[in-house]
Amino acid sequence: MLDLWSLKVLTEVGRLGSFSAAAEELSMTQPAVSRQIATLERQTGVRLFERLPRGVRPTDAGRAALEQAGEVLRGMRLFETRMRAFATAEAGRVRVSAFPSAATTYLPERFRSFAGRHPGVELSLTVRSGEHDPCAAVLDGDTDIALLTSWDVAGATGVVLTPVHEDELLVALAATHPLAQGSRVRLRDLAAEPWIDGTHPDCLGPISQLASALGGTPRISHVCDDWNGRQGLVAAGVGVMLYPSIAGYSAARPDIRLLRPSPSLPSRTILAAALPPTDRPPAVSAFLAALTTPEPTAARVPPRRRSR
């Protein structure tokens, strides 16, 4: 059976036209190179080189063998390069699942930044509905990294949870709403407002403080799973909603206003669930590290409302 070292010797003899020169290049003796070529000729059943007074010259079969050997060696180098890339987070695949607001701005920005540094890694995103268990998807191998909130960490076993974002909860009002002119809004002043709810965790959530600040349970008039649809309802003035900062302030419609509630609502931690480091590919660990990179300060501050 032919081996890669024999093909390497073959290509060096063909490149240099001499057993002696090839031996020097490969740190071998000239007789060892001669025996290697003789063995190849016996294995292939054809003469590969014409022996000349000074050096050797490939036969027609030898030229074909050199061409084929070059392709095999290039393929092996490519194989080694690609395997090294997988071992150093320069290749591979990272599958991410997230809830809608996290997929609005936060993850697309992380994808763009990561792809610029790791162009050989394939990224994919699945936006999941509230009834799916993100940790189970990681354990079952259906996804590599799943984003979830601190509302959902109870019972999360077998995965490593890494905090990646502290999520401030704001109130979204229509730009034409009488209370939308400042930077803060008293929750008690919204007690009579209809509220728009959505799929967990993009919902009013288990926030007892909201009901306490309102002076009673919020009156839910609409339930909309679509992130853009919820903003549309707010812009139309038919209700108000909570707006998590992970959605990105630049992603808010221009005809709605984001205000900090008074009193402030407790923030929630966004976490990334993944397998333990020893059980995940380097590319997954690299993307997880990218998720923990601090955001620019400007991205964490609601923009000032433009003066008319």
C-alpha atoms as a PDB file:
ATOM      1  CA  MET A   1       0.000   0.000   0.000  1.00  0.00           C
ATOM      2  CA  LEU A   2       1.255   3.457  -0.861  1.00  0.00           C
ATOM      3  CA  ASP A   3       1.956   5.821   2.007  1.00  0.00           C
ATOM      4  CA  LEU A   4       2.210   9.595   2.271  1.00  0.00           C
ATOM      5  CA  TRP A   5       5.949   9.574   2.958  1.00  0.00           C
ATOM      6  CA  SER A   6       6.611   7.667  -0.262  1.00  0.00           C
ATOM      7  CA  LEU A   7       4.583  10.257  -2.157  1.00  0.00           C
ATOM      8  CA  LYS A   8       6.582  13.031  -0.464  1.00  0.00           C
ATOM      9  CA  VAL A   9       9.846  11.398  -1.588  1.00  0.00           C
ATOM     10  CA  LEU A  10       8.413  11.003  -5.089  1.00  0.00           C
ATOM     11  CA  THR A  11       7.488  14.682  -5.376  1.00  0.00           C
ATOM     12  CA  GLU A  12      10.865  15.875  -4.075  1.00  0.00           C
ATOM     13  CA  VAL A  13      12.756  13.690  -6.555  1.00  0.00           C
ATOM     14  CA  GLY A  14      10.525  14.981  -9.332  1.00  0.00           C
ATOM     15  CA  ARG A  15      10.940  18.607  -8.219  1.00  0.00           C
ATOM     16  CA  LEU A  16      14.736  18.458  -7.849  1.00  0.00           C
ATOM     17  CA  GLY A  17      15.534  15.902 -10.573  1.00  0.00           C
ATOM     18  CA  SER A  18      18.046  14.095  -8.405  1.00  0.00           C
ATOM     19  CA  PHE A  19      18.075  11.363  -5.779  1.00  0.00           C
ATOM     20  CA  SER A  20      20.977  13.067  -4.017  1.00  0.00           C
ATOM     21  CA  ALA A  21      19.285  16.490  -3.914  1.00  0.00           C
ATOM     22  CA  ALA A  22      16.048  14.956  -2.686  1.00  0.00           C
ATOM     23  CA  ALA A  23      17.968  13.039   0.008  1.00  0.00           C
ATOM     24  CA  GLU A  24      19.568  16.255   1.241  1.00  0.00           C
ATOM     25  CA  GLU A  25      16.210  18.070   1.258  1.00  0.00           C
ATOM     26  CA  LEU A  26      14.526  15.267   3.209  1.00  0.00           C
ATOM     27  CA  SER A  27      17.465  14.544   5.559  1.00  0.00           C
ATOM     28  CA  MET A  28      17.813  11.039   4.119  1.00  0.00           C
ATOM     29  CA  THR A  29      20.655   9.128   2.503  1.00  0.00           C
ATOM     30  CA  GLN A  30      20.814   8.841  -1.270  1.00  0.00           C
ATOM     31  CA  PRO A  31      20.495   5.018  -1.172  1.00  0.00           C
ATOM     32  CA  ALA A  32      17.373   5.337   1.021  1.00  0.00           C
ATOM     33  CA  VAL A  33      15.739   7.642  -1.522  1.00  0.00           C
ATOM     34  CA  SER A  34      16.712   5.305  -4.353  1.00  0.00           C
ATOM     35  CA  ARG A  35      15.195   2.335  -2.509  1.00  0.00           C
ATOM     36  CA  GLN A  36      11.991   4.309  -1.806  1.00  0.00           C
ATOM     37  CA  ILE A  37      11.518   5.089  -5.507  1.00  0.00           C
ATOM     38  CA  ALA A  38      12.334   1.497  -6.473  1.00  0.00           C
ATOM     39  CA  THR A  39       9.695   0.282  -4.014  1.00  0.00           C
ATOM     40  CA  LEU A  40       7.131   2.662  -5.530  1.00  0.00           C
ATOM     41  CA  GLU A  41       7.940   1.383  -9.009  1.00  0.00           C
ATOM     42  CA  ARG A  42       7.436  -2.226  -7.871  1.00  0.00           C
ATOM     43  CA  GLN A  43       4.124  -1.329  -6.175  1.00  0.00           C
ATOM     44  CA  THR A  44       2.778   0.554  -9.190  1.00  0.00           C
ATOM     45  CA  GLY A  45       4.242  -1.780 -11.797  1.00  0.00           C
ATOM     46  CA  VAL A  46       5.615   1.095 -13.892  1.00  0.00           C
ATOM     47  CA  ARG A  47       8.926   2.869 -14.227  1.00  0.00           C
ATOM     48  CA  LEU A  48       8.619   6.368 -12.775  1.00  0.00           C
ATOM     49  CA  PHE A  49      12.045   7.865 -13.582  1.00  0.00           C
ATOM     50  CA  GLU A  50      14.664   7.453 -16.270  1.00  0.00           C
ATOM     51  CA  ARG A  51      18.113   7.232 -14.682  1.00  0.00           C
ATOM     52  CA  LEU A  52      20.478   9.658 -16.424  1.00  0.00           C
ATOM     53  CA  PRO A  53      24.238  10.158 -16.080  1.00  0.00           C
ATOM     54  CA  ARG A  54      23.472  13.245 -13.997  1.00  0.00           C
ATOM     55  CA  GLY A  55      20.181  12.958 -12.166  1.00  0.00           C
ATOM     56  CA  VAL A  56      16.794  11.496 -13.162  1.00  0.00           C
ATOM     57  CA  ARG A  57      13.892  12.460 -15.443  1.00  0.00           C
ATOM     58  CA  PRO A  58      10.258  11.422 -14.961  1.00  0.00           C
ATOM     59  CA  THR A  59       8.696   9.090 -17.487  1.00  0.00           C
ATOM     60  CA  ASP A  60       5.175   9.681 -18.798  1.00  0.00           C
ATOM     61  CA  ALA A  61       3.900   7.486 -15.968  1.00  0.00           C
ATOM     62  CA  GLY A  62       6.140   9.390 -13.577  1.00  0.00           C
ATOM     63  CA  ARG A  63       4.665  12.737 -14.633  1.00  0.00           C
ATOM     64  CA  ALA A  64       1.152  11.372 -14.070  1.00  0.00           C
ATOM     65  CA  ALA A  65       2.242   9.984 -10.687  1.00  0.00           C
ATOM     66  CA  LEU A  66       3.758  13.334  -9.696  1.00  0.00           C
ATOM     67  CA  GLU A  67       0.562  15.161 -10.610  1.00  0.00           C
ATOM     68  CA  GLN A  68      -1.582  12.737  -8.639  1.00  0.00           C
ATOM     69  CA  ALA A  69       0.788  12.678  -5.673  1.00  0.00           C
ATOM     70  CA  GLY A  70       0.727  16.468  -5.538  1.00  0.00           C
ATOM     71  CA  GLU A  71      -3.071  16.442  -5.306  1.00  0.00           C
ATOM     72  CA  VAL A  72      -2.987  13.839  -2.541  1.00  0.00           C
ATOM     73  CA  LEU A  73      -0.429  15.794  -0.500  1.00  0.00           C
ATOM     74  CA  ARG A  74      -2.315  19.059  -0.993  1.00  0.00           C
ATOM     75  CA  GLY A  75      -5.487  17.317   0.159  1.00  0.00           C
ATOM     76  CA  MET A  76      -3.706  16.047   3.275  1.00  0.00           C
ATOM     77  CA  ARG A  77      -2.387  19.513   4.059  1.00  0.00           C
ATOM     78  CA  LEU A  78      -5.907  20.863   3.681  1.00  0.00           C
ATOM     79  CA  PHE A  79      -7.189  18.117   5.977  1.00  0.00           C
ATOM     80  CA  GLU A  80      -4.612  19.008   8.642  1.00  0.00           C
ATOM     81  CA  THR A  81      -5.348  22.721   8.299  1.00  0.00           C
ATOM     82  CA  ARG A  82      -9.076  22.238   8.676  1.00  0.00           C
ATOM     83  CA  MET A  83      -8.694  19.961  11.681  1.00  0.00           C
ATOM     84  CA  ARG A  84      -6.376  22.475  13.359  1.00  0.00           C
ATOM     85  CA  ALA A  85      -8.982  25.151  12.675  1.00  0.00           C
ATOM     86  CA  PHE A  86     -11.653  23.125  14.446  1.00  0.00           C
ATOM     87  CA  ALA A  87      -9.323  22.684  17.391  1.00  0.00           C
ATOM     88  CA  THR A  88      -8.623  26.425  17.632  1.00  0.00           C
ATOM     89  CA  ALA A  89     -12.139  27.864  17.118  1.00  0.00           C
ATOM     90  CA  GLU A  90     -11.379  28.919  13.537  1.00  0.00           C
ATOM     91  CA  ALA A  91     -13.918  26.532  12.046  1.00  0.00           C
ATOM     92  CA  GLY A  92     -17.011  24.627  13.060  1.00  0.00           C
ATOM     93  CA  ARG A  93     -20.625  25.482  13.750  1.00  0.00           C
ATOM     94  CA  VAL A  94     -22.370  27.314  16.575  1.00  0.00           C
ATOM     95  CA  ARG A  95     -26.147  26.955  16.890  1.00  0.00           C
ATOM     96  CA  VAL A  96     -27.836  29.548  19.073  1.00  0.00           C
ATOM     97  CA  SER A  97     -31.438  29.670  20.264  1.00  0.00           C
ATOM     98  CA  ALA A  98     -33.025  32.716  21.834  1.00  0.00           C
ATOM     99  CA  PHE A  99     -36.302  34.446  22.603  1.00  0.00           C
ATOM    100  CA  PRO A 100     -37.511  37.214  20.231  1.00  0.00           C
ATOM    101  CA  SER A 101     -36.272  40.337  22.021  1.00  0.00           C
ATOM    102  CA  ALA A 102     -32.743  38.901  22.311  1.00  0.00           C
ATOM    103  CA  ALA A 103     -32.761  38.237  18.561  1.00  0.00           C
ATOM    104  CA  THR A 104     -33.712  41.823  17.697  1.00  0.00           C
ATOM    105  CA  THR A 105     -30.403  43.631  18.216  1.00  0.00           C
ATOM    106  CA  TYR A 106     -28.274  41.913  20.838  1.00  0.00           C
ATOM    107  CA  LEU A 107     -27.547  38.667  18.986  1.00  0.00           C
ATOM    108  CA  PRO A 108     -27.306  40.129  15.458  1.00  0.00           C
ATOM    109  CA  GLU A 109     -24.642  42.540  16.710  1.00  0.00           C
ATOM    110  CA  ARG A 110     -22.758  39.693  18.412  1.00  0.00           C
ATOM    111  CA  PHE A 111     -23.011  37.594  15.247  1.00  0.00           C
ATOM    112  CA  ARG A 112     -21.580  40.445  13.143  1.00  0.00           C
ATOM    113  CA  SER A 113     -18.683  41.028  15.523  1.00  0.00           C
ATOM    114  CA  PHE A 114     -17.874  37.326  15.934  1.00  0.00           C
ATOM    115  CA  ALA A 115     -18.031  36.603  12.194  1.00  0.00           C
ATOM    116  CA  GLY A 116     -15.479  39.349  11.585  1.00  0.00           C
ATOM    117  CA  ARG A 117     -12.995  37.615  13.898  1.00  0.00           C
ATOM    118  CA  HIS A 118     -13.902  33.999  13.060  1.00  0.00           C
ATOM    119  CA  PRO A 119     -15.002  33.944   9.405  1.00  0.00           C
ATOM    120  CA  GLY A 120     -14.631  30.170   9.207  1.00  0.00           C
ATOM    121  CA  VAL A 121     -17.259  29.467  11.882  1.00  0.00           C
ATOM    122  CA  GLU A 122     -20.838  28.912  10.741  1.00  0.00           C
ATOM    123  CA  LEU A 123     -23.420  30.639  12.939  1.00  0.00           C
ATOM    124  CA  SER A 124     -27.138  29.865  13.034  1.00  0.00           C
ATOM    125  CA  LEU A 125     -29.997  31.303  15.086  1.00  0.00           C
ATOM    126  CA  THR A 126     -33.334  29.793  16.073  1.00  0.00           C
ATOM    127  CA  VAL A 127     -35.935  32.066  17.655  1.00  0.00           C
ATOM    128  CA  ARG A 128     -37.977  29.863  19.949  1.00  0.00           C
ATOM    129  CA  SER A 129     -41.414  30.191  21.424  1.00  0.00           C
ATOM    130  CA  GLY A 130     -42.027  30.259  25.142  1.00  0.00           C
ATOM    131  CA  GLU A 131     -43.087  26.645  25.586  1.00  0.00           C
ATOM    132  CA  HIS A 132     -39.698  25.167  24.661  1.00  0.00           C
ATOM    133  CA  ASP A 133     -37.201  24.243  27.374  1.00  0.00           C
ATOM    134  CA  PRO A 134     -33.903  25.901  26.343  1.00  0.00           C
ATOM    135  CA  CYS A 135     -31.727  23.815  28.670  1.00  0.00           C
ATOM    136  CA  ALA A 136     -33.243  20.560  27.405  1.00  0.00           C
ATOM    137  CA  ALA A 137     -32.406  21.610  23.844  1.00  0.00           C
ATOM    138  CA  VAL A 138     -28.747  22.019  24.841  1.00  0.00           C
ATOM    139  CA  LEU A 139     -28.634  18.670  26.637  1.00  0.00           C
ATOM    140  CA  ASP A 140     -30.333  16.924  23.706  1.00  0.00           C
ATOM    141  CA  GLY A 141     -27.777  18.335  21.273  1.00  0.00           C
ATOM    142  CA  ASP A 142     -30.337  20.380  19.325  1.00  0.00           C
ATOM    143  CA  THR A 143     -28.553  23.660  20.061  1.00  0.00           C
ATOM    144  CA  ASP A 144     -25.129  24.708  21.350  1.00  0.00           C
ATOM    145  CA  ILE A 145     -26.027  27.869  23.268  1.00  0.00           C
ATOM    146  CA  ALA A 146     -29.467  28.873  24.518  1.00  0.00           C
ATOM    147  CA  LEU A 147     -30.300  32.261  25.988  1.00  0.00           C
ATOM    148  CA  LEU A 148     -32.704  32.341  28.901  1.00  0.00           C
ATOM    149  CA  THR A 149     -33.554  34.694  31.744  1.00  0.00           C
ATOM    150  CA  SER A 150     -33.127  34.462  35.486  1.00  0.00           C
ATOM    151  CA  TRP A 151     -36.892  33.818  35.571  1.00  0.00           C
ATOM    152  CA  ASP A 152     -36.164  30.350  34.139  1.00  0.00           C
ATOM    153  CA  VAL A 153     -33.112  29.026  35.982  1.00  0.00           C
ATOM    154  CA  ALA A 154     -35.004  26.841  38.446  1.00  0.00           C
ATOM    155  CA  GLY A 155     -34.330  23.222  37.612  1.00  0.00           C
ATOM    156  CA  ALA A 156     -31.605  24.009  35.067  1.00  0.00           C
ATOM    157  CA  THR A 157     -29.247  21.063  35.605  1.00  0.00           C
ATOM    158  CA  GLY A 158     -26.517  19.544  33.453  1.00  0.00           C
ATOM    159  CA  VAL A 159     -25.651  22.822  31.749  1.00  0.00           C
ATOM    160  CA  VAL A 160     -23.351  25.718  32.585  1.00  0.00           C
ATOM    161  CA  LEU A 161     -25.146  29.056  32.961  1.00  0.00           C
ATOM    162  CA  THR A 162     -23.097  32.142  32.106  1.00  0.00           C
ATOM    163  CA  PRO A 163     -24.501  35.657  32.769  1.00  0.00           C
ATOM    164  CA  VAL A 164     -24.209  37.755  29.598  1.00  0.00           C
ATOM    165  CA  HIS A 165     -26.489  40.773  30.070  1.00  0.00           C
ATOM    166  CA  GLU A 166     -28.270  42.636  32.845  1.00  0.00           C
ATOM    167  CA  ASP A 167     -31.680  43.410  31.377  1.00  0.00           C
ATOM    168  CA  GLU A 168     -33.325  46.668  32.433  1.00  0.00           C
ATOM    169  CA  LEU A 169     -37.094  46.744  32.029  1.00  0.00           C
ATOM    170  CA  LEU A 170     -38.537  49.960  30.605  1.00  0.00           C
ATOM    171  CA  VAL A 171     -42.068  51.059  29.740  1.00  0.00           C
ATOM    172  CA  ALA A 172     -43.018  51.695  26.105  1.00  0.00           C
ATOM    173  CA  LEU A 173     -45.715  54.284  25.368  1.00  0.00           C
ATOM    174  CA  ALA A 174     -47.043  55.752  22.146  1.00  0.00           C
ATOM    175  CA  ALA A 175     -45.189  58.944  21.212  1.00  0.00           C
ATOM    176  CA  THR A 176     -48.535  60.743  21.399  1.00  0.00           C
ATOM    177  CA  HIS A 177     -49.301  59.528  24.915  1.00  0.00           C
ATOM    178  CA  PRO A 178     -49.653  62.384  27.434  1.00  0.00           C
ATOM    179  CA  LEU A 179     -47.139  60.718  29.756  1.00  0.00           C
ATOM    180  CA  ALA A 180     -44.520  60.139  27.063  1.00  0.00           C
ATOM    181  CA  GLN A 181     -42.916  63.567  27.215  1.00  0.00           C
ATOM    182  CA  GLY A 182     -40.425  62.977  30.026  1.00  0.00           C
ATOM    183  CA  SER A 183     -37.725  60.391  30.692  1.00  0.00           C
ATOM    184  CA  ARG A 184     -39.560  58.599  33.526  1.00  0.00           C
ATOM    185  CA  VAL A 185     -43.137  57.583  34.162  1.00  0.00           C
ATOM    186  CA  ARG A 186     -44.856  56.769  37.451  1.00  0.00           C
ATOM    187  CA  LEU A 187     -46.296  53.289  37.246  1.00  0.00           C
ATOM    188  CA  ARG A 188     -49.236  54.305  39.390  1.00  0.00           C
ATOM    189  CA  ASP A 189     -50.216  56.746  36.618  1.00  0.00           C
ATOM    190  CA  LEU A 190     -50.525  53.750  34.287  1.00  0.00           C
ATOM    191  CA  ALA A 191     -52.892  51.807  36.559  1.00  0.00           C
ATOM    192  CA  ALA A 192     -55.876  52.323  34.256  1.00  0.00           C
ATOM    193  CA  GLU A 193     -53.922  51.668  31.035  1.00  0.00           C
ATOM    194  CA  PRO A 194     -54.475  48.511  28.988  1.00  0.00           C
ATOM    195  CA  TRP A 195     -51.289  46.407  28.894  1.00  0.00           C
ATOM    196  CA  ILE A 196     -49.928  44.331  26.039  1.00  0.00           C
ATOM    197  CA  ASP A 197     -48.453  40.971  26.985  1.00  0.00           C
ATOM    198  CA  GLY A 198     -46.409  38.500  24.951  1.00  0.00           C
ATOM    199  CA  THR A 199     -44.810  35.070  24.921  1.00  0.00           C
ATOM    200  CA  HIS A 200     -42.594  34.210  27.870  1.00  0.00           C
ATOM    201  CA  PRO A 201     -40.047  35.586  28.585  1.00  0.00           C
ATOM    202  CA  ASP A 202     -41.043  38.642  26.494  1.00  0.00           C
ATOM    203  CA  CYS A 203     -43.992  39.254  28.758  1.00  0.00           C
ATOM    204  CA  LEU A 204     -45.009  41.080  31.913  1.00  0.00           C
ATOM    205  CA  GLY A 205     -43.352  38.230  33.749  1.00  0.00           C
ATOM    206  CA  PRO A 206     -43.426  37.173  37.385  1.00  0.00           C
ATOM    207  CA  ILE A 207     -42.930  40.731  38.586  1.00  0.00           C
ATOM    208  CA  SER A 208     -44.967  41.246  41.729  1.00  0.00           C
ATOM    209  CA  GLN A 209     -43.449  44.712  41.974  1.00  0.00           C
ATOM    210  CA  LEU A 210     -45.324  45.755  38.827  1.00  0.00           C
ATOM    211  CA  ALA A 211     -48.717  44.959  40.347  1.00  0.00           C
ATOM    212  CA  SER A 212     -47.662  46.583  43.609  1.00  0.00           C
ATOM    213  CA  ALA A 213     -46.539  49.785  41.874  1.00  0.00           C
ATOM    214  CA  LEU A 214     -49.684  49.899  39.733  1.00  0.00           C
ATOM    215  CA  GLY A 215     -51.872  49.393  42.762  1.00  0.00           C
ATOM    216  CA  GLY A 216     -53.360  46.215  41.320  1.00  0.00           C
ATOM    217  CA  THR A 217     -52.972  43.539  38.681  1.00  0.00           C
ATOM    218  CA  PRO A 218     -52.232  45.016  35.228  1.00  0.00           C
ATOM    219  CA  ARG A 219     -55.215  44.909  32.876  1.00  0.00           C
ATOM    220  CA  ILE A 220     -54.073  42.870  29.876  1.00  0.00           C
ATOM    221  CA  SER A 221     -56.015  43.860  26.773  1.00  0.00           C
ATOM    222  CA  HIS A 222     -53.848  42.230  24.094  1.00  0.00           C
ATOM    223  CA  VAL A 223     -51.556  39.203  23.913  1.00  0.00           C
ATOM    224  CA  CYS A 224     -49.195  39.314  20.945  1.00  0.00           C
ATOM    225  CA  ASP A 225     -46.285  36.941  20.384  1.00  0.00           C
ATOM    226  CA  ASP A 226     -44.752  38.966  17.556  1.00  0.00           C
ATOM    227  CA  TRP A 227     -42.227  41.555  18.732  1.00  0.00           C
ATOM    228  CA  ASN A 228     -42.943  44.016  15.913  1.00  0.00           C
ATOM    229  CA  GLY A 229     -46.671  43.506  16.337  1.00  0.00           C
ATOM    230  CA  ARG A 230     -46.482  44.467  19.993  1.00  0.00           C
ATOM    231  CA  GLN A 231     -44.640  47.664  19.151  1.00  0.00           C
ATOM    232  CA  GLY A 232     -47.274  48.388  16.521  1.00  0.00           C
ATOM    233  CA  LEU A 233     -50.030  48.113  19.097  1.00  0.00           C
ATOM    234  CA  VAL A 234     -48.172  50.492  21.402  1.00  0.00           C
ATOM    235  CA  ALA A 235     -47.599  52.976  18.562  1.00  0.00           C
ATOM    236  CA  ALA A 236     -51.309  52.853  17.737  1.00  0.00           C
ATOM    237  CA  GLY A 237     -52.061  53.922  21.302  1.00  0.00           C
ATOM    238  CA  VAL A 238     -54.110  50.856  22.202  1.00  0.00           C
ATOM    239  CA  GLY A 239     -51.883  49.820  25.109  1.00  0.00           C
ATOM    240  CA  VAL A 240     -48.533  50.018  26.870  1.00  0.00           C
ATOM    241  CA  MET A 241     -45.908  47.347  27.378  1.00  0.00           C
ATOM    242  CA  LEU A 242     -42.656  46.485  29.104  1.00  0.00           C
ATOM    243  CA  TYR A 243     -39.603  46.844  26.876  1.00  0.00           C
ATOM    244  CA  PRO A 244     -36.463  44.848  27.834  1.00  0.00           C
ATOM    245  CA  SER A 245     -33.179  46.611  27.152  1.00  0.00           C
ATOM    246  CA  ILE A 246     -31.772  43.509  25.420  1.00  0.00           C
ATOM    247  CA  ALA A 247     -34.053  44.335  22.492  1.00  0.00           C
ATOM    248  CA  GLY A 248     -31.891  47.394  21.844  1.00  0.00           C
ATOM    249  CA  TYR A 249     -33.014  50.983  22.039  1.00  0.00           C
ATOM    250  CA  SER A 250     -32.269  51.542  18.361  1.00  0.00           C
ATOM    251  CA  ALA A 251     -34.772  48.785  17.540  1.00  0.00           C
ATOM    252  CA  ALA A 252     -37.676  50.731  19.057  1.00  0.00           C
ATOM    253  CA  ARG A 253     -40.092  52.218  16.554  1.00  0.00           C
ATOM    254  CA  PRO A 254     -39.745  55.983  16.111  1.00  0.00           C
ATOM    255  CA  ASP A 255     -43.389  56.469  17.071  1.00  0.00           C
ATOM    256  CA  ILE A 256     -43.020  54.972  20.545  1.00  0.00           C
ATOM    257  CA  ARG A 257     -41.158  56.285  23.588  1.00  0.00           C
ATOM    258  CA  LEU A 258     -39.117  54.314  26.111  1.00  0.00           C
ATOM    259  CA  LEU A 259     -39.267  55.571  29.689  1.00  0.00           C
ATOM    260  CA  ARG A 260     -37.777  54.335  32.909  1.00  0.00           C
ATOM    261  CA  PRO A 261     -40.497  53.310  35.362  1.00  0.00           C
ATOM    262  CA  SER A 262     -40.829  54.825  38.803  1.00  0.00           C
ATOM    263  CA  PRO A 263     -40.356  52.967  41.006  1.00  0.00           C
ATOM    264  CA  SER A 264     -37.795  50.970  39.042  1.00  0.00           C
ATOM    265  CA  LEU A 265     -38.640  47.380  38.266  1.00  0.00           C
ATOM    266  CA  PRO A 266     -36.077  44.707  39.168  1.00  0.00           C
ATOM    267  CA  SER A 267     -33.779  43.870  36.294  1.00  0.00           C
ATOM    268  CA  ARG A 268     -33.451  40.304  35.104  1.00  0.00           C
ATOM    269  CA  THR A 269     -30.226  38.560  34.202  1.00  0.00           C
ATOM    270  CA  ILE A 270     -29.853  37.077  30.733  1.00  0.00           C
ATOM    271  CA  LEU A 271     -27.864  33.855  30.826  1.00  0.00           C
ATOM    272  CA  ALA A 272     -26.341  31.609  28.194  1.00  0.00           C
ATOM    273  CA  ALA A 273     -26.810  27.879  28.755  1.00  0.00           C
ATOM    274  CA  ALA A 274     -24.172  25.564  27.279  1.00  0.00           C
ATOM    275  CA  LEU A 275     -22.559  22.228  27.966  1.00  0.00           C
ATOM    276  CA  PRO A 276     -19.524  22.161  30.302  1.00  0.00           C
ATOM    277  CA  PRO A 277     -16.263  23.363  28.645  1.00  0.00           C
ATOM    278  CA  THR A 278     -14.885  19.831  28.305  1.00  0.00           C
ATOM    279  CA  ASP A 279     -17.971  18.758  26.326  1.00  0.00           C
ATOM    280  CA  ARG A 280     -18.226  21.578  23.786  1.00  0.00           C
ATOM    281  CA  PRO A 281     -16.172  22.476  20.683  1.00  0.00           C
ATOM    282  CA  PRO A 282     -13.739  25.409  20.829  1.00  0.00           C
ATOM    283  CA  ALA A 283     -15.925  27.489  18.493  1.00  0.00           C
ATOM    284  CA  VAL A 284     -18.819  27.297  20.965  1.00  0.00           C
ATOM    285  CA  SER A 285     -16.575  28.422  23.819  1.00  0.00           C
ATOM    286  CA  ALA A 286     -15.278  31.275  21.660  1.00  0.00           C
ATOM    287  CA  PHE A 287     -18.792  32.502  20.874  1.00  0.00           C
ATOM    288  CA  LEU A 288     -19.787  32.198  24.515  1.00  0.00           C
ATOM    289  CA  ALA A 289     -16.828  34.431  25.392  1.00  0.00           C
ATOM    290  CA  ALA A 290     -18.015  36.925  22.771  1.00  0.00           C
ATOM    291  CA  LEU A 291     -21.423  37.064  24.431  1.00  0.00           C
ATOM    292  CA  THR A 292     -19.833  38.152  27.694  1.00  0.00           C
ATOM    293  CA  THR A 293     -17.966  41.066  26.074  1.00  0.00           C
ATOM    294  CA  PRO A 294     -19.237  44.289  27.666  1.00  0.00           C
ATOM    295  CA  GLU A 295     -21.519  46.362  25.491  1.00  0.00           C
ATOM    296  CA  PRO A 296     -20.654  49.943  24.551  1.00  0.00           C
ATOM    297  CA  THR A 297     -21.986  52.397  27.130  1.00  0.00           C
ATOM    298  CA  ALA A 298     -24.080  54.147  24.507  1.00  0.00           C
ATOM    299  CA  ALA A 299     -25.959  50.911  23.816  1.00  0.00           C
ATOM    300  CA  ARG A 300     -27.128  50.714  27.424  1.00  0.00           C
ATOM    301  CA  VAL A 301     -28.617  54.203  27.662  1.00  0.00           C
ATOM    302  CA  PRO A 302     -32.022  55.063  26.126  1.00  0.00           C
ATOM    303  CA  PRO A 303     -31.577  57.790  23.529  1.00  0.00           C
ATOM    304  CA  ARG A 304     -32.895  61.228  24.355  1.00  0.00           C
ATOM    305  CA  ARG A 305     -36.152  62.131  22.704  1.00  0.00           C
ATOM    306  CA  ARG A 306     -35.598  64.508  19.838  1.00  0.00           C
ATOM    307  CA  SER A 307     -37.007  67.960  20.238  1.00  0.00           C
ATOM    308  CA  ARG A 308     -39.702  68.899  17.793  1.00  0.00           C
END
